[in-house]
Amino acid sequence: MGKLPSFVFLIFSFHCFKSSLALIDTNITTNKSALLGLKSFITSDPYDYLSTWSISSSPCNWVGVTCSNRHGRVHSLNLGGMDLKGTIYPQLGNLSFLVELDLSSNNFYGKISRELVQLHRLKLLNLSHNDFQGQVPTRIGDLSMLEHLNIRNNNFEGFIPLSLFNLSRLKTLELLRNKLLGIIPRTISNLSSLELLH
């Protein structure tokens, strides 16, 4: 009779383990869907870097993708220097565990979708050396964990969003070679961690 609680605990533990596996699978499925959506928005991949991106394999094994050992979710997306051409798939904002996003030195164009500011864990955002246009998202200051922001060498225009100066963790800020205008506000002094400003 004393063995019954142990048996119940074993069954309960197994159920919890099974549920956590199902949750991880669901989450990686969301990640996979967002990345395959991005791939569908890329019109040119001259060196076939994204040929490994397939519905039949795990995103953690794809070129340019790194997953977290802790959560099994996409942690880093580094497609820098791959000569890719296309626009940004808005649902990239569903990569909720993303810490690094590097799309630098490609031929991406169009506007930055508002969904990107949903990436609240993002520490590095590098969109430099592309052909992005329009305004820098006004809610970029919602990326409160951001430490490195590089949007140099694009065609961004308009004023620098004031919310940008709420990013107290920001260490590097590179805005040069765009079509930005207006004054740099005094609130730049809020960037107390800033080490590099271009």
Protein backbone atom coordinates (compact mmCIF):
# COMPACT_ATOMS: atom_id res chain seq x y z
CA MET A 1 0.00 0.00 0.00
CA GLY A 2 2.93 2.34 0.73
CA LYS A 3 4.10 1.94 -2.89
CA LEU A 4 0.99 3.54 -4.35
CA PRO A 5 2.08 7.20 -3.79
CA SER A 6 5.42 6.44 -5.51
CA PHE A 7 3.57 4.93 -8.47
CA VAL A 8 1.24 7.95 -8.66
CA PHE A 9 4.25 10.29 -8.49
CA LEU A 10 5.92 8.35 -11.31
CA ILE A 11 2.81 8.62 -13.51
CA PHE A 12 2.51 12.34 -12.69
CA SER A 13 6.20 12.94 -13.51
CA PHE A 14 5.86 11.11 -16.82
CA HIS A 15 2.79 13.17 -17.71
CA CYS A 16 4.65 16.43 -16.91
CA PHE A 17 7.64 15.32 -18.99
CA LYS A 18 5.37 14.43 -21.92
CA SER A 19 3.59 17.79 -21.65
CA SER A 20 6.89 19.70 -21.61
CA LEU A 21 8.06 17.83 -24.72
CA ALA A 22 4.80 18.72 -26.48
CA LEU A 23 5.25 22.37 -25.46
CA ILE A 24 8.84 22.44 -26.77
CA ASP A 25 7.69 20.84 -30.01
CA THR A 26 4.91 23.44 -30.38
CA ASN A 27 7.34 26.28 -29.72
CA ILE A 28 9.95 25.02 -32.20
CA THR A 29 7.11 24.59 -34.72
CA THR A 30 6.28 28.29 -34.28
CA ASN A 31 9.96 29.13 -34.79
CA LYS A 32 10.14 26.91 -37.87
CA SER A 33 7.04 28.54 -39.35
CA ALA A 34 8.46 32.05 -38.83
CA LEU A 35 11.80 31.13 -40.45
CA LEU A 36 10.21 29.34 -43.40
CA GLY A 37 8.05 32.45 -43.85
CA LEU A 38 11.22 34.55 -43.98
CA LYS A 39 12.68 32.17 -46.56
CA SER A 40 9.56 32.59 -48.71
CA PHE A 41 10.11 36.38 -48.68
CA ILE A 42 13.69 35.98 -49.96
CA THR A 43 13.71 36.27 -53.75
CA SER A 44 17.40 35.58 -54.32
CA ASP A 45 19.80 33.22 -52.54
CA PRO A 46 22.63 32.92 -55.10
CA TYR A 47 24.81 30.64 -52.99
CA ASP A 48 21.96 28.39 -51.74
CA TYR A 49 22.72 29.12 -48.11
CA LEU A 50 19.09 28.48 -47.18
CA SER A 51 18.84 25.13 -48.97
CA THR A 52 19.06 23.40 -45.56
CA TRP A 53 15.92 25.24 -44.42
CA SER A 54 13.37 22.49 -44.89
CA ILE A 55 10.09 21.57 -43.22
CA SER A 56 11.46 18.05 -42.67
CA SER A 57 14.40 19.12 -40.48
CA SER A 58 14.86 21.01 -37.22
CA PRO A 59 15.61 24.76 -37.47
CA CYS A 60 18.42 24.15 -34.96
CA ASN A 61 20.35 22.42 -37.79
CA TRP A 62 19.80 25.17 -40.36
CA VAL A 63 22.57 27.44 -41.66
CA GLY A 64 22.60 30.73 -39.77
CA VAL A 65 20.35 29.50 -36.96
CA THR A 66 21.45 28.77 -33.39
CA CYS A 67 19.14 27.35 -30.74
CA SER A 68 19.34 27.75 -26.99
CA ASN A 69 20.39 24.62 -25.09
CA ARG A 70 18.17 25.68 -22.23
CA HIS A 71 14.87 26.26 -24.06
CA GLY A 72 15.44 24.52 -27.40
CA ARG A 73 14.20 27.68 -29.14
CA VAL A 74 15.84 29.83 -31.81
CA HIS A 75 18.33 32.07 -29.97
CA SER A 76 20.33 33.62 -32.80
CA LEU A 77 19.69 34.31 -36.49
CA ASN A 78 22.85 35.31 -38.36
CA LEU A 79 22.40 35.70 -42.11
CA GLY A 80 25.07 38.39 -42.49
CA GLY A 81 27.01 38.58 -45.77
CA MET A 82 25.01 35.91 -47.61
CA ASP A 83 24.03 38.16 -50.55
CA LEU A 84 20.34 37.47 -49.92
CA LYS A 85 17.68 39.65 -51.49
CA GLY A 86 14.13 40.14 -50.31
CA THR A 87 11.95 41.71 -47.65
CA ILE A 88 11.47 40.91 -43.98
CA TYR A 89 8.68 38.50 -43.12
CA PRO A 90 6.58 40.28 -40.43
CA GLN A 91 6.07 37.09 -38.38
CA LEU A 92 9.79 37.06 -37.61
CA GLY A 93 8.50 38.83 -34.51
CA ASN A 94 7.25 35.40 -33.33
CA LEU A 95 10.83 34.31 -32.54
CA SER A 96 10.21 35.26 -28.93
CA PHE A 97 13.51 33.84 -27.58
CA LEU A 98 15.66 35.59 -30.20
CA VAL A 99 18.66 37.39 -28.68
CA GLU A 100 20.67 38.18 -31.85
CA LEU A 101 19.38 39.17 -35.29
CA ASP A 102 22.04 39.91 -37.91
CA LEU A 103 20.88 40.54 -41.48
CA SER A 104 23.83 42.79 -42.37
CA SER A 105 25.54 43.04 -45.76
CA ASN A 106 22.74 41.66 -47.90
CA ASN A 107 20.21 43.16 -50.30
CA PHE A 108 17.17 43.34 -48.06
CA TYR A 109 14.81 46.20 -48.89
CA GLY A 110 11.45 47.67 -47.91
CA LYS A 111 10.24 48.88 -44.54
CA ILE A 112 10.96 47.34 -41.16
CA SER A 113 7.80 45.68 -39.88
CA ARG A 114 6.38 46.78 -36.55
CA GLU A 115 6.37 43.15 -35.44
CA LEU A 116 10.16 43.27 -34.97
CA VAL A 117 9.71 45.36 -31.83
CA GLN A 118 8.02 42.30 -30.26
CA LEU A 119 11.47 40.70 -29.90
CA HIS A 120 11.82 41.78 -26.27
CA ARG A 121 14.86 39.59 -25.54
CA LEU A 122 16.87 41.03 -28.44
CA LYS A 123 20.35 42.25 -27.47
CA LEU A 124 21.83 42.67 -30.96
CA LEU A 125 20.06 44.05 -34.03
CA ASN A 126 22.26 44.50 -37.11
CA LEU A 127 20.51 45.58 -40.31
CA SER A 128 23.49 47.48 -41.75
CA HIS A 129 24.53 47.54 -45.42
CA ASN A 130 21.14 46.80 -46.97
CA ASP A 131 18.50 48.91 -48.71
CA PHE A 132 15.89 49.30 -45.98
CA GLN A 133 13.65 52.35 -46.38
CA GLY A 134 11.04 54.30 -44.50
CA GLN A 135 11.23 55.38 -40.91
CA VAL A 136 12.99 53.66 -38.05
CA PRO A 137 10.11 52.03 -36.08
CA THR A 138 8.82 54.55 -33.56
CA ARG A 139 8.54 51.87 -30.85
CA ILE A 140 12.14 50.69 -31.18
CA GLY A 141 12.55 51.79 -27.56
CA ASP A 142 10.39 48.80 -26.57
CA LEU A 143 13.46 46.59 -27.20
CA SER A 144 14.57 47.26 -23.63
CA MET A 145 17.33 44.60 -23.60
CA LEU A 146 19.03 45.95 -26.74
CA GLU A 147 22.80 46.49 -26.39
CA HIS A 148 23.90 46.85 -30.03
CA LEU A 149 21.92 48.60 -32.77
CA ASN A 150 23.44 48.99 -36.23
CA ILE A 151 21.33 50.32 -39.10
CA ARG A 152 24.13 52.11 -41.00
CA ASN A 153 24.26 52.20 -44.82
CA ASN A 154 20.55 51.99 -45.60
CA ASN A 155 17.91 54.45 -46.78
CA PHE A 156 16.09 55.13 -43.53
CA GLU A 157 14.55 58.60 -43.46
CA GLY A 158 12.72 60.93 -41.13
CA PHE A 159 13.45 61.75 -37.52
CA ILE A 160 15.27 59.55 -35.04
CA PRO A 161 12.52 58.10 -32.79
CA LEU A 162 12.66 59.56 -29.29
CA SER A 163 11.95 56.11 -27.83
CA LEU A 164 15.45 55.11 -28.98
CA PHE A 165 16.87 57.18 -26.14
CA ASN A 166 15.12 55.00 -23.55
CA LEU A 167 17.48 52.10 -24.29
CA SER A 168 19.57 52.32 -21.14
CA ARG A 169 21.52 49.11 -21.92
CA LEU A 170 22.61 50.29 -25.38
CA LYS A 171 26.40 50.11 -25.85
CA THR A 172 26.77 50.75 -29.59
CA LEU A 173 24.55 52.88 -31.82
CA GLU A 174 25.36 53.21 -35.52
CA LEU A 175 23.01 55.33 -37.62
CA LEU A 176 25.35 56.82 -40.24
CA ARG A 177 24.80 56.86 -44.01
CA ASN A 178 21.02 57.09 -43.97
CA LYS A 179 18.66 59.98 -44.70
CA LEU A 180 17.79 60.81 -41.12
CA LEU A 181 17.15 64.43 -40.18
CA GLY A 182 16.49 66.65 -37.21
CA ILE A 183 18.46 67.37 -34.08
CA ILE A 184 19.92 64.88 -31.61
CA PRO A 185 17.84 65.49 -28.47
CA ARG A 186 19.24 66.05 -25.02
CA THR A 187 17.70 62.76 -23.96
CA ILE A 188 20.71 61.08 -25.57
CA SER A 189 22.19 61.45 -22.08
CA ASN A 190 19.76 58.68 -21.01
CA LEU A 191 21.98 56.22 -22.90
CA SER A 192 24.20 55.77 -19.84
CA SER A 193 25.82 52.55 -21.13
CA LEU A 194 26.72 53.96 -24.55
CA GLU A 195 30.34 53.33 -25.61
CA LEU A 196 30.16 53.92 -29.39
CA LEU A 197 28.02 56.40 -31.34
CA HIS A 198 28.23 56.80 -35.12
